[in-house]
């Protein structure tokens, strides 16, 4: 899972084993399974089950597809994504960054400084 300034991705990646290659590019990115724009995120539901933390990310489907279309990306049919974290600290960091970037896109960059 990768959260960038604009997108949340579910990617297949692994660390480079070759020491010479890893100095140039430390991670090998294979492909992205899906992506959603951060500004379309509407809700995050958190559940704890046994030793796992489950997140459900809920997006505004109409808004996400407008943004994807403007970016020349493939439209996404799903507006919910389920993620599982092995520990609470990693989940907390992920949620913190999602909220921070969502706020940046929807309030600060939109000129609504009172939010």
C-alpha atoms as a PDB file:
ATOM      1  CA  UNK A   1       0.000   0.000   0.000  1.00  0.00           C
ATOM      2  CA  UNK A   2       1.379   3.386  -1.009  1.00  0.00           C
ATOM      3  CA  UNK A   3      -0.045   6.812  -0.196  1.00  0.00           C
ATOM      4  CA  UNK A   4       1.306   9.622  -2.385  1.00  0.00           C
ATOM      5  CA  UNK A   5       0.303  13.291  -2.495  1.00  0.00           C
ATOM      6  CA  UNK A   6      -2.577  12.525  -4.863  1.00  0.00           C
ATOM      7  CA  UNK A   7      -3.223   8.765  -4.864  1.00  0.00           C
ATOM      8  CA  UNK A   8      -3.632   5.711  -2.670  1.00  0.00           C
ATOM      9  CA  UNK A   9      -2.239   2.662  -4.519  1.00  0.00           C
ATOM     10  CA  UNK A  10      -2.291  -1.056  -3.932  1.00  0.00           C
ATOM     11  CA  UNK A  11       0.983  -2.136  -5.523  1.00  0.00           C
ATOM     12  CA  UNK A  12       2.985  -5.281  -5.970  1.00  0.00           C
ATOM     13  CA  UNK A  13       6.575  -4.477  -5.056  1.00  0.00           C
ATOM     14  CA  UNK A  14       9.611  -5.998  -3.415  1.00  0.00           C
ATOM     15  CA  UNK A  15      13.008  -4.851  -2.211  1.00  0.00           C
ATOM     16  CA  UNK A  16      15.877  -5.247  -4.682  1.00  0.00           C
ATOM     17  CA  UNK A  17      18.231  -8.077  -3.632  1.00  0.00           C
ATOM     18  CA  UNK A  18      21.138  -7.123  -5.903  1.00  0.00           C
ATOM     19  CA  UNK A  19      23.316  -4.704  -3.901  1.00  0.00           C
ATOM     20  CA  UNK A  20      24.478  -2.682  -6.946  1.00  0.00           C
ATOM     21  CA  UNK A  21      20.934  -2.278  -8.279  1.00  0.00           C
ATOM     22  CA  UNK A  22      19.537  -1.469  -4.827  1.00  0.00           C
ATOM     23  CA  UNK A  23      21.833   1.565  -4.550  1.00  0.00           C
ATOM     24  CA  UNK A  24      20.130   3.055  -7.627  1.00  0.00           C
ATOM     25  CA  UNK A  25      16.560   1.765  -7.202  1.00  0.00           C
ATOM     26  CA  UNK A  26      15.939   0.082  -3.812  1.00  0.00           C
ATOM     27  CA  UNK A  27      12.412  -1.125  -4.637  1.00  0.00           C
ATOM     28  CA  UNK A  28      11.208  -3.069  -7.700  1.00  0.00           C
ATOM     29  CA  UNK A  29       7.669  -1.966  -8.630  1.00  0.00           C
ATOM     30  CA  UNK A  30       5.814  -4.574 -10.655  1.00  0.00           C
ATOM     31  CA  UNK A  31       2.299  -3.224 -11.067  1.00  0.00           C
ATOM     32  CA  UNK A  32      -0.512  -1.372  -9.387  1.00  0.00           C
ATOM     33  CA  UNK A  33      -3.684  -3.371  -8.730  1.00  0.00           C
ATOM     34  CA  UNK A  34      -5.815  -0.264  -8.122  1.00  0.00           C
ATOM     35  CA  UNK A  35      -5.592   3.421  -7.280  1.00  0.00           C
ATOM     36  CA  UNK A  36      -7.958   5.952  -5.762  1.00  0.00           C
ATOM     37  CA  UNK A  37      -7.551   9.737  -5.508  1.00  0.00           C
ATOM     38  CA  UNK A  38      -7.054  10.873  -1.898  1.00  0.00           C
ATOM     39  CA  UNK A  39      -9.440  13.788  -2.273  1.00  0.00           C
ATOM     40  CA  UNK A  40     -12.339  11.379  -2.979  1.00  0.00           C
ATOM     41  CA  UNK A  41     -11.888   9.617   0.376  1.00  0.00           C
ATOM     42  CA  UNK A  42     -15.028  10.084   2.476  1.00  0.00           C
ATOM     43  CA  UNK A  43     -14.795   7.685   5.387  1.00  0.00           C
ATOM     44  CA  UNK A  44     -12.463   5.258   7.139  1.00  0.00           C
ATOM     45  CA  UNK A  45     -13.933   2.482   9.293  1.00  0.00           C
ATOM     46  CA  UNK A  46     -11.555   0.777  11.742  1.00  0.00           C
ATOM     47  CA  UNK A  47     -12.210  -2.637  13.332  1.00  0.00           C
ATOM     48  CA  UNK A  48      -9.915  -4.708  15.499  1.00  0.00           C
ATOM     49  CA  UNK A  49     -10.221  -8.457  15.149  1.00  0.00           C
ATOM     50  CA  UNK A  50      -7.919 -10.699  17.189  1.00  0.00           C
ATOM     51  CA  UNK A  51      -4.396  -9.355  16.536  1.00  0.00           C
ATOM     52  CA  UNK A  52      -5.273  -7.693  13.221  1.00  0.00           C
ATOM     53  CA  UNK A  53      -6.562  -4.204  12.465  1.00  0.00           C
ATOM     54  CA  UNK A  54      -8.999  -3.962   9.564  1.00  0.00           C
ATOM     55  CA  UNK A  55      -9.628  -0.732   7.696  1.00  0.00           C
ATOM     56  CA  UNK A  56     -12.371  -0.051   5.233  1.00  0.00           C
ATOM     57  CA  UNK A  57     -11.706   2.965   2.998  1.00  0.00           C
ATOM     58  CA  UNK A  58     -14.857   4.439   1.463  1.00  0.00           C
ATOM     59  CA  UNK A  59     -14.618   6.784  -1.524  1.00  0.00           C
ATOM     60  CA  UNK A  60     -17.065   9.089  -3.295  1.00  0.00           C
ATOM     61  CA  UNK A  61     -17.455   7.074  -6.513  1.00  0.00           C
ATOM     62  CA  UNK A  62     -18.573   9.995  -8.685  1.00  0.00           C
ATOM     63  CA  UNK A  63     -15.761  12.278  -7.509  1.00  0.00           C
ATOM     64  CA  UNK A  64     -13.095   9.569  -7.844  1.00  0.00           C
ATOM     65  CA  UNK A  65     -14.080   8.752 -11.432  1.00  0.00           C
ATOM     66  CA  UNK A  66     -14.084  12.439 -12.432  1.00  0.00           C
ATOM     67  CA  UNK A  67     -10.540  12.768 -11.052  1.00  0.00           C
ATOM     68  CA  UNK A  68      -9.405   9.493 -12.672  1.00  0.00           C
ATOM     69  CA  UNK A  69     -10.856  10.575 -16.031  1.00  0.00           C
ATOM     70  CA  UNK A  70      -9.108  13.980 -15.824  1.00  0.00           C
ATOM     71  CA  UNK A  71      -5.820  12.196 -15.069  1.00  0.00           C
ATOM     72  CA  UNK A  72      -6.268   9.830 -18.037  1.00  0.00           C
ATOM     73  CA  UNK A  73      -6.524   6.807 -15.746  1.00  0.00           C
ATOM     74  CA  UNK A  74      -8.818   3.798 -15.927  1.00  0.00           C
ATOM     75  CA  UNK A  75     -12.140   4.310 -14.124  1.00  0.00           C
ATOM     76  CA  UNK A  76     -12.705   2.264 -10.963  1.00  0.00           C
ATOM     77  CA  UNK A  77     -16.013   0.509 -10.249  1.00  0.00           C
ATOM     78  CA  UNK A  78     -15.378  -0.022  -6.535  1.00  0.00           C
ATOM     79  CA  UNK A  79     -15.806   2.702  -3.953  1.00  0.00           C
ATOM     80  CA  UNK A  80     -14.725   0.590  -0.944  1.00  0.00           C
ATOM     81  CA  UNK A  81     -11.370  -1.024  -0.197  1.00  0.00           C
ATOM     82  CA  UNK A  82     -10.562  -3.311   2.709  1.00  0.00           C
ATOM     83  CA  UNK A  83      -7.065  -3.362   4.192  1.00  0.00           C
ATOM     84  CA  UNK A  84      -5.568  -5.491   6.951  1.00  0.00           C
ATOM     85  CA  UNK A  85      -2.694  -4.385   9.189  1.00  0.00           C
ATOM     86  CA  UNK A  86      -0.708  -6.624  11.500  1.00  0.00           C
ATOM     87  CA  UNK A  87      -0.240  -3.959  14.154  1.00  0.00           C
ATOM     88  CA  UNK A  88      -1.947  -0.841  15.410  1.00  0.00           C
ATOM     89  CA  UNK A  89       1.063   1.481  14.962  1.00  0.00           C
ATOM     90  CA  UNK A  90       1.315   0.856  11.205  1.00  0.00           C
ATOM     91  CA  UNK A  91      -2.440   1.293  10.823  1.00  0.00           C
ATOM     92  CA  UNK A  92      -2.330   4.540  12.824  1.00  0.00           C
ATOM     93  CA  UNK A  93       0.430   5.936  10.582  1.00  0.00           C
ATOM     94  CA  UNK A  94      -1.471   4.988   7.421  1.00  0.00           C
ATOM     95  CA  UNK A  95      -4.689   6.640   8.682  1.00  0.00           C
ATOM     96  CA  UNK A  96      -2.750   9.742   9.781  1.00  0.00           C
ATOM     97  CA  UNK A  97      -1.253  10.210   6.298  1.00  0.00           C
ATOM     98  CA  UNK A  98      -4.593   9.546   4.559  1.00  0.00           C
ATOM     99  CA  UNK A  99      -6.290  12.195   6.718  1.00  0.00           C
ATOM    100  CA  UNK A 100      -3.435  14.689   6.295  1.00  0.00           C
ATOM    101  CA  UNK A 101      -3.420  14.392   2.497  1.00  0.00           C
ATOM    102  CA  UNK A 102      -7.225  14.430   2.295  1.00  0.00           C
ATOM    103  CA  UNK A 103      -7.308  17.640   4.329  1.00  0.00           C
ATOM    104  CA  UNK A 104      -4.534  19.179   2.213  1.00  0.00           C
ATOM    105  CA  UNK A 105      -6.364  18.476  -1.059  1.00  0.00           C
ATOM    106  CA  UNK A 106      -9.912  19.292   0.046  1.00  0.00           C
ATOM    107  CA  UNK A 107      -9.399  22.265   2.322  1.00  0.00           C
ATOM    108  CA  UNK A 108      -5.966  23.906   2.170  1.00  0.00           C
ATOM    109  CA  UNK A 109      -5.403  23.734  -1.597  1.00  0.00           C
ATOM    110  CA  UNK A 110      -9.076  24.480  -2.244  1.00  0.00           C
ATOM    111  CA  UNK A 111      -8.619  27.791  -0.411  1.00  0.00           C
ATOM    112  CA  UNK A 112     -10.838  26.932   2.561  1.00  0.00           C
ATOM    113  CA  UNK A 113      -8.435  27.904   5.328  1.00  0.00           C
ATOM    114  CA  UNK A 114     -11.159  27.790   8.036  1.00  0.00           C
ATOM    115  CA  UNK A 115     -11.480  23.992   7.907  1.00  0.00           C
END
